[in-house]
């Protein structure tokens, strides 16, 4: 693979944090490459703004449904009680009771 060399200048005072980070890397070129790709691959501010707008539109279109309070939802066959007994039996079985 052909290699392209670039050079960059860093200020010893202003960029001290970057210089320390580069010094800690076992492969500075690879570290710089990964950092640059992470930077350019991140969603841009405009992408995030567009997504936020879409989300806000969806929220505005949502309808609120009011459900009356019920002490215990139960069908004619008594399924919730039956299901509760089944779950209690499974719980006892798996807990070793």
C-alpha atoms as a PDB file:
ATOM      1  CA  UNK A   1       0.000   0.000   0.000  1.00  0.00           C
ATOM      2  CA  UNK A   2       1.445   3.389  -0.932  1.00  0.00           C
ATOM      3  CA  UNK A   3       2.200   5.624   2.005  1.00  0.00           C
ATOM      4  CA  UNK A   4       1.386   9.311   2.081  1.00  0.00           C
ATOM      5  CA  UNK A   5       3.215  11.371   4.642  1.00  0.00           C
ATOM      6  CA  UNK A   6       1.781  14.518   6.111  1.00  0.00           C
ATOM      7  CA  UNK A   7       3.192  16.791   8.736  1.00  0.00           C
ATOM      8  CA  UNK A   8       1.497  18.849  11.373  1.00  0.00           C
ATOM      9  CA  UNK A   9       2.859  21.342  13.826  1.00  0.00           C
ATOM     10  CA  UNK A  10       1.872  21.326  17.472  1.00  0.00           C
ATOM     11  CA  UNK A  11       2.489  24.066  19.992  1.00  0.00           C
ATOM     12  CA  UNK A  12       4.422  22.694  22.982  1.00  0.00           C
ATOM     13  CA  UNK A  13       2.305  24.718  25.418  1.00  0.00           C
ATOM     14  CA  UNK A  14      -1.166  24.859  23.829  1.00  0.00           C
ATOM     15  CA  UNK A  15      -1.039  21.256  22.612  1.00  0.00           C
ATOM     16  CA  UNK A  16       0.731  19.742  25.604  1.00  0.00           C
ATOM     17  CA  UNK A  17      -2.224  17.445  26.254  1.00  0.00           C
ATOM     18  CA  UNK A  18      -2.100  16.132  22.675  1.00  0.00           C
ATOM     19  CA  UNK A  19       1.656  15.682  22.869  1.00  0.00           C
ATOM     20  CA  UNK A  20       1.348  13.693  26.108  1.00  0.00           C
ATOM     21  CA  UNK A  21      -1.379  11.531  24.564  1.00  0.00           C
ATOM     22  CA  UNK A  22       0.739  10.884  21.449  1.00  0.00           C
ATOM     23  CA  UNK A  23       3.722  10.034  23.624  1.00  0.00           C
ATOM     24  CA  UNK A  24       1.628   7.415  25.473  1.00  0.00           C
ATOM     25  CA  UNK A  25       0.638   5.649  22.233  1.00  0.00           C
ATOM     26  CA  UNK A  26       2.584   2.599  21.121  1.00  0.00           C
ATOM     27  CA  UNK A  27       1.840   3.525  17.486  1.00  0.00           C
ATOM     28  CA  UNK A  28       1.213   7.257  17.098  1.00  0.00           C
ATOM     29  CA  UNK A  29       0.240   6.988  13.415  1.00  0.00           C
ATOM     30  CA  UNK A  30      -2.400   4.364  14.157  1.00  0.00           C
ATOM     31  CA  UNK A  31      -3.701   6.367  17.123  1.00  0.00           C
ATOM     32  CA  UNK A  32      -4.014   9.507  14.999  1.00  0.00           C
ATOM     33  CA  UNK A  33      -5.745   7.542  12.239  1.00  0.00           C
ATOM     34  CA  UNK A  34      -8.289   6.063  14.686  1.00  0.00           C
ATOM     35  CA  UNK A  35      -8.941   9.455  16.276  1.00  0.00           C
ATOM     36  CA  UNK A  36      -9.500  11.101  12.896  1.00  0.00           C
ATOM     37  CA  UNK A  37     -11.864   8.349  11.717  1.00  0.00           C
ATOM     38  CA  UNK A  38     -13.818   8.554  14.972  1.00  0.00           C
ATOM     39  CA  UNK A  39     -14.124  12.301  14.441  1.00  0.00           C
ATOM     40  CA  UNK A  40     -15.284  12.175  10.820  1.00  0.00           C
ATOM     41  CA  UNK A  41     -17.624   9.203  11.373  1.00  0.00           C
ATOM     42  CA  UNK A  42     -19.518  10.774  14.252  1.00  0.00           C
ATOM     43  CA  UNK A  43     -22.962  12.184  13.501  1.00  0.00           C
ATOM     44  CA  UNK A  44     -22.772  15.839  12.626  1.00  0.00           C
ATOM     45  CA  UNK A  45     -24.662  18.454  14.590  1.00  0.00           C
ATOM     46  CA  UNK A  46     -27.067  18.910  11.661  1.00  0.00           C
ATOM     47  CA  UNK A  47     -27.812  15.150  11.606  1.00  0.00           C
ATOM     48  CA  UNK A  48     -28.613  15.256  15.302  1.00  0.00           C
ATOM     49  CA  UNK A  49     -30.783  18.332  14.847  1.00  0.00           C
ATOM     50  CA  UNK A  50     -32.732  16.628  12.056  1.00  0.00           C
ATOM     51  CA  UNK A  51     -33.265  13.535  14.209  1.00  0.00           C
ATOM     52  CA  UNK A  52     -34.441  15.680  17.107  1.00  0.00           C
ATOM     53  CA  UNK A  53     -36.924  17.430  14.799  1.00  0.00           C
ATOM     54  CA  UNK A  54     -38.254  14.037  13.634  1.00  0.00           C
ATOM     55  CA  UNK A  55     -38.619  12.896  17.221  1.00  0.00           C
ATOM     56  CA  UNK A  56     -40.459  16.069  18.202  1.00  0.00           C
ATOM     57  CA  UNK A  57     -42.831  15.655  15.233  1.00  0.00           C
ATOM     58  CA  UNK A  58     -43.568  12.081  16.285  1.00  0.00           C
ATOM     59  CA  UNK A  59     -44.266  13.147  19.865  1.00  0.00           C
ATOM     60  CA  UNK A  60     -46.622  15.867  18.655  1.00  0.00           C
ATOM     61  CA  UNK A  61     -48.552  13.301  16.570  1.00  0.00           C
ATOM     62  CA  UNK A  62     -48.969  10.912  19.497  1.00  0.00           C
ATOM     63  CA  UNK A  63     -52.439  10.538  20.924  1.00  0.00           C
ATOM     64  CA  UNK A  64     -53.110  10.181  24.620  1.00  0.00           C
ATOM     65  CA  UNK A  65     -55.413   7.323  25.434  1.00  0.00           C
ATOM     66  CA  UNK A  66     -57.121   7.359  28.789  1.00  0.00           C
ATOM     67  CA  UNK A  67     -57.762   3.987  30.366  1.00  0.00           C
ATOM     68  CA  UNK A  68     -60.135   3.747  33.293  1.00  0.00           C
ATOM     69  CA  UNK A  69     -58.636   2.439  36.500  1.00  0.00           C
ATOM     70  CA  UNK A  70     -59.433  -1.165  37.204  1.00  0.00           C
ATOM     71  CA  UNK A  71     -58.694  -2.859  40.509  1.00  0.00           C
ATOM     72  CA  UNK A  72     -57.642  -6.062  38.798  1.00  0.00           C
ATOM     73  CA  UNK A  73     -58.014  -6.834  35.139  1.00  0.00           C
ATOM     74  CA  UNK A  74     -59.660 -10.207  34.861  1.00  0.00           C
ATOM     75  CA  UNK A  75     -61.379 -11.971  32.002  1.00  0.00           C
ATOM     76  CA  UNK A  76     -64.463 -14.120  32.347  1.00  0.00           C
ATOM     77  CA  UNK A  77     -62.316 -17.247  32.564  1.00  0.00           C
ATOM     78  CA  UNK A  78     -60.235 -15.800  35.405  1.00  0.00           C
ATOM     79  CA  UNK A  79     -57.023 -16.004  33.395  1.00  0.00           C
ATOM     80  CA  UNK A  80     -54.967 -13.554  35.467  1.00  0.00           C
ATOM     81  CA  UNK A  81     -55.557 -15.574  38.657  1.00  0.00           C
ATOM     82  CA  UNK A  82     -54.828 -18.785  36.771  1.00  0.00           C
ATOM     83  CA  UNK A  83     -51.678 -17.262  35.268  1.00  0.00           C
ATOM     84  CA  UNK A  84     -50.576 -16.023  38.693  1.00  0.00           C
ATOM     85  CA  UNK A  85     -50.962 -19.517  40.147  1.00  0.00           C
ATOM     86  CA  UNK A  86     -48.945 -20.928  37.239  1.00  0.00           C
ATOM     87  CA  UNK A  87     -46.184 -18.387  37.716  1.00  0.00           C
ATOM     88  CA  UNK A  88     -46.118 -19.033  41.465  1.00  0.00           C
ATOM     89  CA  UNK A  89     -45.797 -22.766  40.780  1.00  0.00           C
ATOM     90  CA  UNK A  90     -42.918 -22.131  38.342  1.00  0.00           C
ATOM     91  CA  UNK A  91     -41.242 -19.864  40.884  1.00  0.00           C
ATOM     92  CA  UNK A  92     -41.464 -22.558  43.568  1.00  0.00           C
ATOM     93  CA  UNK A  93     -40.196 -25.192  41.130  1.00  0.00           C
ATOM     94  CA  UNK A  94     -37.144 -23.172  40.087  1.00  0.00           C
ATOM     95  CA  UNK A  95     -36.315 -21.961  43.563  1.00  0.00           C
ATOM     96  CA  UNK A  96     -36.287 -25.547  44.839  1.00  0.00           C
ATOM     97  CA  UNK A  97     -39.217 -25.210  47.235  1.00  0.00           C
END
